[in-house]
Amino acid sequence: MKTQLHTICYVSTAVSTITQNNVHDVFEGIVDNNLSLGITGVLLYSHGNFMQILEGPSDALKPLYDSIKRDPRHHHIIEIMNQPAEERMFENYLTGFTIVDSQKDIYQLQKYMRFLEDNFDDGIKNRAEMVRPFIY
């Protein structure tokens, strides 16, 4: 039986010890860990806030998200989306999971999101539209 693909998107506020300069250090290992679980997506950091999109097998994603919600590095988590998905948005984006924390990274992500909106079905387009306010 095929495992159901799932996607989760949330925003949260970083604790004051996380800065633009140390976000990669704080999250060292997150990319490798997520990819080893079959999870793709993107983590954006800007002005003390996070926006993350995770996608992967529901049996791996749901426990990871529970762990994320308990992580003391952020608070005021607002869930934007938590639903089954037909296909991945970020499987072919850079390494499959990316930390975005600079203007250059945001620009690359904007270009990728426009590509998705122009070339994929309604499921992908709808999810890309949900993300749009956070990266423009």
N, C-alpha and C. Protein backbone atom coordinates (compact mmCIF):
# COMPACT_ATOMS: atom_id res chain seq x y z
N MET A 1 0.84 -1.19 0.00
CA MET A 1 0.00 0.00 0.00
C MET A 1 0.88 1.25 0.00
N LYS A 2 0.55 2.21 -0.85
CA LYS A 2 1.30 3.45 -0.95
C LYS A 2 0.96 4.37 0.21
N THR A 3 1.99 4.98 0.81
CA THR A 3 1.79 5.92 1.90
C THR A 3 1.23 7.23 1.34
N GLN A 4 0.24 7.77 2.03
CA GLN A 4 -0.40 9.02 1.62
C GLN A 4 0.57 10.18 1.73
N LEU A 5 0.67 10.98 0.68
CA LEU A 5 1.48 12.19 0.69
C LEU A 5 0.70 13.28 1.40
N HIS A 6 1.39 14.07 2.20
CA HIS A 6 0.75 15.09 3.03
C HIS A 6 1.58 16.37 2.95
N THR A 7 0.94 17.51 3.16
CA THR A 7 1.67 18.78 3.21
C THR A 7 1.18 19.62 4.39
N ILE A 8 2.14 20.29 5.02
CA ILE A 8 1.85 21.17 6.17
C ILE A 8 2.58 22.48 5.93
N CYS A 9 1.90 23.58 6.21
CA CYS A 9 2.50 24.90 6.14
C CYS A 9 2.14 25.65 7.41
N TYR A 10 3.12 26.31 8.01
CA TYR A 10 2.85 27.10 9.21
C TYR A 10 3.76 28.32 9.23
N VAL A 11 3.39 29.29 10.03
CA VAL A 11 4.24 30.44 10.33
C VAL A 11 4.42 30.49 11.84
N SER A 12 5.54 31.06 12.27
CA SER A 12 5.80 31.18 13.70
C SER A 12 6.79 32.31 13.95
N THR A 13 6.98 32.65 15.21
CA THR A 13 7.90 33.70 15.63
C THR A 13 9.12 33.06 16.27
N ALA A 14 10.30 33.46 15.80
CA ALA A 14 11.55 32.92 16.33
C ALA A 14 11.86 33.53 17.70
N VAL A 15 12.56 32.76 18.52
CA VAL A 15 13.05 33.33 19.78
C VAL A 15 14.14 34.34 19.44
N SER A 16 14.41 35.23 20.37
CA SER A 16 15.31 36.35 20.10
C SER A 16 16.76 35.93 19.86
N THR A 17 17.14 34.72 20.22
CA THR A 17 18.52 34.29 20.00
C THR A 17 18.77 33.87 18.56
N ILE A 18 17.73 33.71 17.77
CA ILE A 18 17.90 33.37 16.36
C ILE A 18 17.93 34.67 15.56
N THR A 19 18.98 34.82 14.77
CA THR A 19 19.14 36.02 13.94
C THR A 19 19.36 35.61 12.50
N GLN A 20 19.28 36.59 11.61
CA GLN A 20 19.54 36.34 10.19
C GLN A 20 20.93 35.73 10.01
N ASN A 21 21.88 36.12 10.86
CA ASN A 21 23.26 35.64 10.73
C ASN A 21 23.48 34.21 11.21
N ASN A 22 22.63 33.71 12.10
CA ASN A 22 22.90 32.38 12.63
C ASN A 22 21.84 31.34 12.34
N VAL A 23 20.89 31.66 11.47
CA VAL A 23 19.79 30.73 11.23
C VAL A 23 20.29 29.40 10.67
N HIS A 24 21.30 29.42 9.78
CA HIS A 24 21.83 28.16 9.25
C HIS A 24 22.52 27.35 10.34
N ASP A 25 23.25 28.01 11.24
CA ASP A 25 23.90 27.30 12.34
C ASP A 25 22.87 26.66 13.26
N VAL A 26 21.81 27.39 13.56
CA VAL A 26 20.77 26.89 14.45
C VAL A 26 20.11 25.65 13.87
N PHE A 27 19.92 25.64 12.56
CA PHE A 27 19.22 24.53 11.92
C PHE A 27 20.16 23.58 11.17
N GLU A 28 21.41 23.53 11.60
CA GLU A 28 22.35 22.61 10.98
C GLU A 28 21.81 21.18 11.09
N GLY A 29 21.82 20.49 10.00
CA GLY A 29 21.33 19.11 9.98
C GLY A 29 19.88 18.96 9.59
N ILE A 30 19.11 20.04 9.58
CA ILE A 30 17.68 19.92 9.27
C ILE A 30 17.45 19.39 7.85
N VAL A 31 18.25 19.85 6.89
CA VAL A 31 18.07 19.42 5.51
C VAL A 31 18.30 17.92 5.39
N ASP A 32 19.44 17.44 5.89
CA ASP A 32 19.75 16.01 5.80
C ASP A 32 18.72 15.18 6.53
N ASN A 33 18.30 15.62 7.71
CA ASN A 33 17.31 14.87 8.49
C ASN A 33 15.98 14.78 7.73
N ASN A 34 15.52 15.89 7.21
CA ASN A 34 14.25 15.88 6.49
C ASN A 34 14.32 15.00 5.25
N LEU A 35 15.39 15.12 4.49
CA LEU A 35 15.51 14.31 3.28
C LEU A 35 15.59 12.83 3.62
N SER A 36 16.24 12.48 4.73
CA SER A 36 16.33 11.07 5.12
C SER A 36 14.96 10.50 5.49
N LEU A 37 14.04 11.36 5.89
CA LEU A 37 12.67 10.94 6.22
C LEU A 37 11.75 10.99 5.00
N GLY A 38 12.29 11.40 3.85
CA GLY A 38 11.46 11.53 2.65
C GLY A 38 10.65 12.81 2.64
N ILE A 39 11.10 13.81 3.39
CA ILE A 39 10.37 15.08 3.51
C ILE A 39 11.09 16.15 2.70
N THR A 40 10.33 16.82 1.85
CA THR A 40 10.84 17.93 1.07
C THR A 40 10.12 19.19 1.52
N GLY A 41 10.63 20.34 1.09
CA GLY A 41 9.97 21.58 1.46
C GLY A 41 10.92 22.75 1.52
N VAL A 42 10.50 23.77 2.24
CA VAL A 42 11.29 24.98 2.36
C VAL A 42 11.03 25.61 3.73
N LEU A 43 12.08 26.18 4.31
CA LEU A 43 11.99 26.93 5.56
C LEU A 43 12.46 28.34 5.28
N LEU A 44 11.56 29.32 5.44
CA LEU A 44 11.90 30.71 5.23
C LEU A 44 12.08 31.38 6.58
N TYR A 45 13.11 32.23 6.67
CA TYR A 45 13.33 33.03 7.87
C TYR A 45 13.48 34.48 7.44
N SER A 46 12.70 35.36 8.04
CA SER A 46 12.79 36.77 7.72
C SER A 46 12.24 37.60 8.88
N HIS A 47 13.01 38.58 9.32
CA HIS A 47 12.57 39.54 10.33
C HIS A 47 12.01 38.87 11.58
N GLY A 48 12.67 37.81 12.03
CA GLY A 48 12.26 37.15 13.27
C GLY A 48 11.10 36.19 13.14
N ASN A 49 10.74 35.84 11.92
CA ASN A 49 9.62 34.92 11.71
C ASN A 49 10.02 33.78 10.79
N PHE A 50 9.35 32.67 10.97
CA PHE A 50 9.52 31.51 10.10
C PHE A 50 8.24 31.26 9.32
N MET A 51 8.42 30.73 8.13
CA MET A 51 7.33 30.14 7.36
C MET A 51 7.91 28.86 6.79
N GLN A 52 7.26 27.76 7.07
CA GLN A 52 7.79 26.49 6.60
C GLN A 52 6.69 25.71 5.88
N ILE A 53 7.10 25.09 4.78
CA ILE A 53 6.24 24.15 4.07
C ILE A 53 6.96 22.81 4.10
N LEU A 54 6.26 21.81 4.56
CA LEU A 54 6.78 20.45 4.62
C LEU A 54 5.86 19.56 3.79
N GLU A 55 6.45 18.60 3.09
CA GLU A 55 5.65 17.66 2.33
C GLU A 55 6.34 16.31 2.36
N GLY A 56 5.55 15.27 2.49
CA GLY A 56 6.12 13.93 2.53
C GLY A 56 5.10 12.92 2.98
N PRO A 57 5.57 11.71 3.23
CA PRO A 57 4.66 10.65 3.70
C PRO A 57 4.04 11.05 5.03
N SER A 58 2.73 10.88 5.15
CA SER A 58 2.04 11.33 6.36
C SER A 58 2.58 10.63 7.60
N ASP A 59 3.01 9.37 7.48
CA ASP A 59 3.51 8.66 8.66
C ASP A 59 4.84 9.21 9.15
N ALA A 60 5.58 9.93 8.33
CA ALA A 60 6.82 10.58 8.75
C ALA A 60 6.59 12.05 9.07
N LEU A 61 5.70 12.68 8.33
CA LEU A 61 5.50 14.13 8.47
C LEU A 61 4.77 14.50 9.75
N LYS A 62 3.77 13.76 10.10
CA LYS A 62 2.98 14.12 11.29
C LYS A 62 3.81 14.07 12.58
N PRO A 63 4.62 13.04 12.83
CA PRO A 63 5.47 13.08 14.03
C PRO A 63 6.51 14.21 13.99
N LEU A 64 7.05 14.50 12.80
CA LEU A 64 7.99 15.60 12.68
C LEU A 64 7.31 16.92 13.04
N TYR A 65 6.11 17.13 12.55
CA TYR A 65 5.39 18.36 12.84
C TYR A 65 5.06 18.47 14.33
N ASP A 66 4.71 17.38 14.96
CA ASP A 66 4.48 17.40 16.42
C ASP A 66 5.75 17.84 17.14
N SER A 67 6.89 17.36 16.69
CA SER A 67 8.18 17.76 17.27
C SER A 67 8.46 19.24 17.02
N ILE A 68 8.17 19.71 15.83
CA ILE A 68 8.37 21.12 15.49
C ILE A 68 7.52 22.01 16.40
N LYS A 69 6.30 21.60 16.65
CA LYS A 69 5.41 22.41 17.50
C LYS A 69 5.94 22.51 18.93
N ARG A 70 6.73 21.54 19.37
CA ARG A 70 7.30 21.58 20.72
C ARG A 70 8.68 22.24 20.77
N ASP A 71 9.24 22.60 19.63
CA ASP A 71 10.58 23.16 19.54
C ASP A 71 10.63 24.52 20.22
N PRO A 72 11.52 24.72 21.20
CA PRO A 72 11.58 25.98 21.93
C PRO A 72 12.21 27.14 21.15
N ARG A 73 12.65 26.90 19.92
CA ARG A 73 13.27 27.96 19.13
C ARG A 73 12.25 28.89 18.47
N HIS A 74 10.96 28.55 18.65
CA HIS A 74 9.92 29.42 18.10
C HIS A 74 8.64 29.30 18.92
N HIS A 75 7.72 30.22 18.68
CA HIS A 75 6.45 30.23 19.40
C HIS A 75 5.39 30.88 18.51
N HIS A 76 4.18 30.98 19.01
CA HIS A 76 3.06 31.56 18.26
C HIS A 76 2.92 30.90 16.88
N ILE A 77 2.83 29.59 16.87
CA ILE A 77 2.69 28.84 15.62
C ILE A 77 1.26 28.99 15.09
N ILE A 78 1.18 29.37 13.85
CA ILE A 78 -0.12 29.47 13.17
C ILE A 78 -0.09 28.52 11.98
N GLU A 79 -0.97 27.54 12.02
CA GLU A 79 -1.04 26.55 10.95
C GLU A 79 -1.84 27.12 9.78
N ILE A 80 -1.24 27.14 8.61
CA ILE A 80 -1.86 27.66 7.40
C ILE A 80 -2.53 26.53 6.62
N MET A 81 -1.87 25.38 6.58
CA MET A 81 -2.36 24.27 5.78
C MET A 81 -1.88 22.96 6.41
N ASN A 82 -2.75 21.97 6.44
CA ASN A 82 -2.41 20.63 6.93
C ASN A 82 -3.37 19.68 6.22
N GLN A 83 -2.92 19.12 5.09
CA GLN A 83 -3.83 18.37 4.25
C GLN A 83 -3.10 17.35 3.38
N PRO A 84 -3.84 16.36 2.89
CA PRO A 84 -3.27 15.43 1.92
C PRO A 84 -2.89 16.17 0.65
N ALA A 85 -1.90 15.65 -0.06
CA ALA A 85 -1.46 16.26 -1.32
C ALA A 85 -1.33 15.17 -2.38
N GLU A 86 -1.60 15.56 -3.59
CA GLU A 86 -1.47 14.62 -4.72
C GLU A 86 -0.03 14.52 -5.19
N GLU A 87 0.70 15.64 -5.12
CA GLU A 87 2.09 15.65 -5.57
C GLU A 87 2.89 16.68 -4.78
N ARG A 88 4.19 16.58 -4.87
CA ARG A 88 5.10 17.48 -4.14
C ARG A 88 5.33 18.77 -4.93
N MET A 89 5.53 19.84 -4.20
CA MET A 89 5.89 21.12 -4.81
C MET A 89 7.40 21.30 -4.88
N PHE A 90 8.14 20.76 -3.91
CA PHE A 90 9.56 21.10 -3.76
C PHE A 90 10.52 19.96 -4.04
N GLU A 91 10.02 18.86 -4.56
CA GLU A 91 10.88 17.70 -4.82
C GLU A 91 12.05 18.06 -5.74
N ASN A 92 11.82 18.92 -6.71
CA ASN A 92 12.86 19.27 -7.68
C ASN A 92 13.44 20.66 -7.47
N TYR A 93 13.18 21.25 -6.30
CA TYR A 93 13.70 22.59 -6.02
C TYR A 93 15.01 22.47 -5.25
N LEU A 94 16.09 22.90 -5.88
CA LEU A 94 17.43 22.86 -5.29
C LEU A 94 17.71 21.47 -4.72
N THR A 95 17.87 21.34 -3.40
CA THR A 95 18.20 20.04 -2.84
C THR A 95 16.97 19.26 -2.41
N GLY A 96 15.80 19.79 -2.63
CA GLY A 96 14.57 19.14 -2.18
C GLY A 96 14.08 19.74 -0.87
N PHE A 97 15.00 20.21 -0.04
CA PHE A 97 14.63 20.95 1.17
C PHE A 97 15.64 22.07 1.34
N THR A 98 15.17 23.30 1.48
CA THR A 98 16.04 24.46 1.47
C THR A 98 15.69 25.42 2.59
N ILE A 99 16.71 26.02 3.19
CA ILE A 99 16.53 27.10 4.16
C ILE A 99 16.73 28.41 3.40
N VAL A 100 15.71 29.26 3.41
CA VAL A 100 15.73 30.52 2.68
C VAL A 100 15.87 31.64 3.71
N ASP A 101 16.99 32.38 3.64
CA ASP A 101 17.20 33.43 4.63
C ASP A 101 17.91 34.66 4.07
N SER A 102 17.90 34.80 2.74
CA SER A 102 18.50 35.99 2.14
C SER A 102 17.62 36.46 0.98
N GLN A 103 17.82 37.69 0.56
CA GLN A 103 17.05 38.23 -0.56
C GLN A 103 17.29 37.41 -1.82
N LYS A 104 18.52 36.96 -2.04
CA LYS A 104 18.82 36.13 -3.20
C LYS A 104 18.02 34.84 -3.16
N ASP A 105 17.96 34.21 -1.99
CA ASP A 105 17.19 32.97 -1.83
C ASP A 105 15.70 33.20 -2.07
N ILE A 106 15.19 34.32 -1.57
CA ILE A 106 13.77 34.63 -1.75
C ILE A 106 13.47 34.85 -3.24
N TYR A 107 14.36 35.53 -3.93
CA TYR A 107 14.17 35.75 -5.36
C TYR A 107 14.13 34.41 -6.11
N GLN A 108 15.05 33.50 -5.78
CA GLN A 108 15.06 32.19 -6.42
C GLN A 108 13.76 31.45 -6.14
N LEU A 109 13.26 31.53 -4.93
CA LEU A 109 12.01 30.87 -4.57
C LEU A 109 10.84 31.51 -5.31
N GLN A 110 10.83 32.82 -5.44
CA GLN A 110 9.77 33.49 -6.20
C GLN A 110 9.74 33.01 -7.64
N LYS A 111 10.91 32.89 -8.25
CA LYS A 111 10.97 32.39 -9.63
C LYS A 111 10.43 30.96 -9.71
N TYR A 112 10.80 30.15 -8.75
CA TYR A 112 10.33 28.76 -8.74
C TYR A 112 8.82 28.69 -8.55
N MET A 113 8.27 29.51 -7.67
CA MET A 113 6.83 29.51 -7.43
C MET A 113 6.08 29.97 -8.68
N ARG A 114 6.61 30.96 -9.40
CA ARG A 114 5.97 31.38 -10.66
C ARG A 114 5.98 30.23 -11.67
N PHE A 115 7.08 29.50 -11.73
CA PHE A 115 7.17 28.33 -12.61
C PHE A 115 6.08 27.32 -12.26
N LEU A 116 5.91 27.03 -10.96
CA LEU A 116 4.87 26.08 -10.54
C LEU A 116 3.49 26.56 -10.94
N GLU A 117 3.23 27.83 -10.68
CA GLU A 117 1.91 28.38 -10.98
C GLU A 117 1.61 28.34 -12.48
N ASP A 118 2.62 28.48 -13.32
CA ASP A 118 2.43 28.51 -14.77
C ASP A 118 2.37 27.12 -15.40
N ASN A 119 2.90 26.11 -14.71
CA ASN A 119 3.09 24.82 -15.37
C ASN A 119 2.45 23.62 -14.71
N PHE A 120 1.75 23.80 -13.61
CA PHE A 120 1.20 22.63 -12.93
C PHE A 120 -0.30 22.75 -12.72
N ASP A 121 -0.88 21.67 -12.25
CA ASP A 121 -2.33 21.58 -12.09
C ASP A 121 -2.84 22.42 -10.93
N ASP A 122 -4.13 22.38 -10.73
CA ASP A 122 -4.77 23.22 -9.71
C ASP A 122 -4.28 22.94 -8.29
N GLY A 123 -3.98 21.69 -7.95
CA GLY A 123 -3.51 21.38 -6.60
C GLY A 123 -2.24 22.13 -6.26
N ILE A 124 -1.27 22.08 -7.15
CA ILE A 124 -0.01 22.80 -6.95
C ILE A 124 -0.25 24.30 -7.00
N LYS A 125 -1.03 24.77 -7.96
CA LYS A 125 -1.30 26.20 -8.08
C LYS A 125 -1.95 26.75 -6.81
N ASN A 126 -2.91 26.02 -6.26
CA ASN A 126 -3.59 26.47 -5.05
C ASN A 126 -2.63 26.58 -3.88
N ARG A 127 -1.75 25.59 -3.71
CA ARG A 127 -0.79 25.65 -2.61
C ARG A 127 0.23 26.76 -2.84
N ALA A 128 0.65 26.96 -4.08
CA ALA A 128 1.58 28.04 -4.38
C ALA A 128 0.94 29.40 -4.07
N GLU A 129 -0.32 29.55 -4.35
CA GLU A 129 -1.03 30.80 -4.05
C GLU A 129 -1.09 31.06 -2.54
N MET A 130 -1.18 30.00 -1.73
CA MET A 130 -1.21 30.17 -0.28
C MET A 130 0.13 30.71 0.23
N VAL A 131 1.20 30.35 -0.44
CA VAL A 131 2.54 30.74 -0.01
C VAL A 131 2.89 32.15 -0.49
N ARG A 132 2.31 32.55 -1.59
CA ARG A 132 2.64 33.83 -2.21
C ARG A 132 2.74 35.01 -1.24
N PRO A 133 1.79 35.23 -0.32
CA PRO A 133 1.89 36.41 0.56
C PRO A 133 3.14 36.42 1.44
N PHE A 134 3.75 35.28 1.66
CA PHE A 134 4.90 35.21 2.55
C PHE A 134 6.22 35.48 1.84
N ILE A 135 6.22 35.43 0.52
CA ILE A 135 7.50 35.61 -0.18
C ILE A 135 7.51 36.81 -1.12
N TYR A 136 6.43 37.57 -1.14
CA TYR A 136 6.40 38.77 -1.99
C TYR A 136 6.24 40.00 -1.15
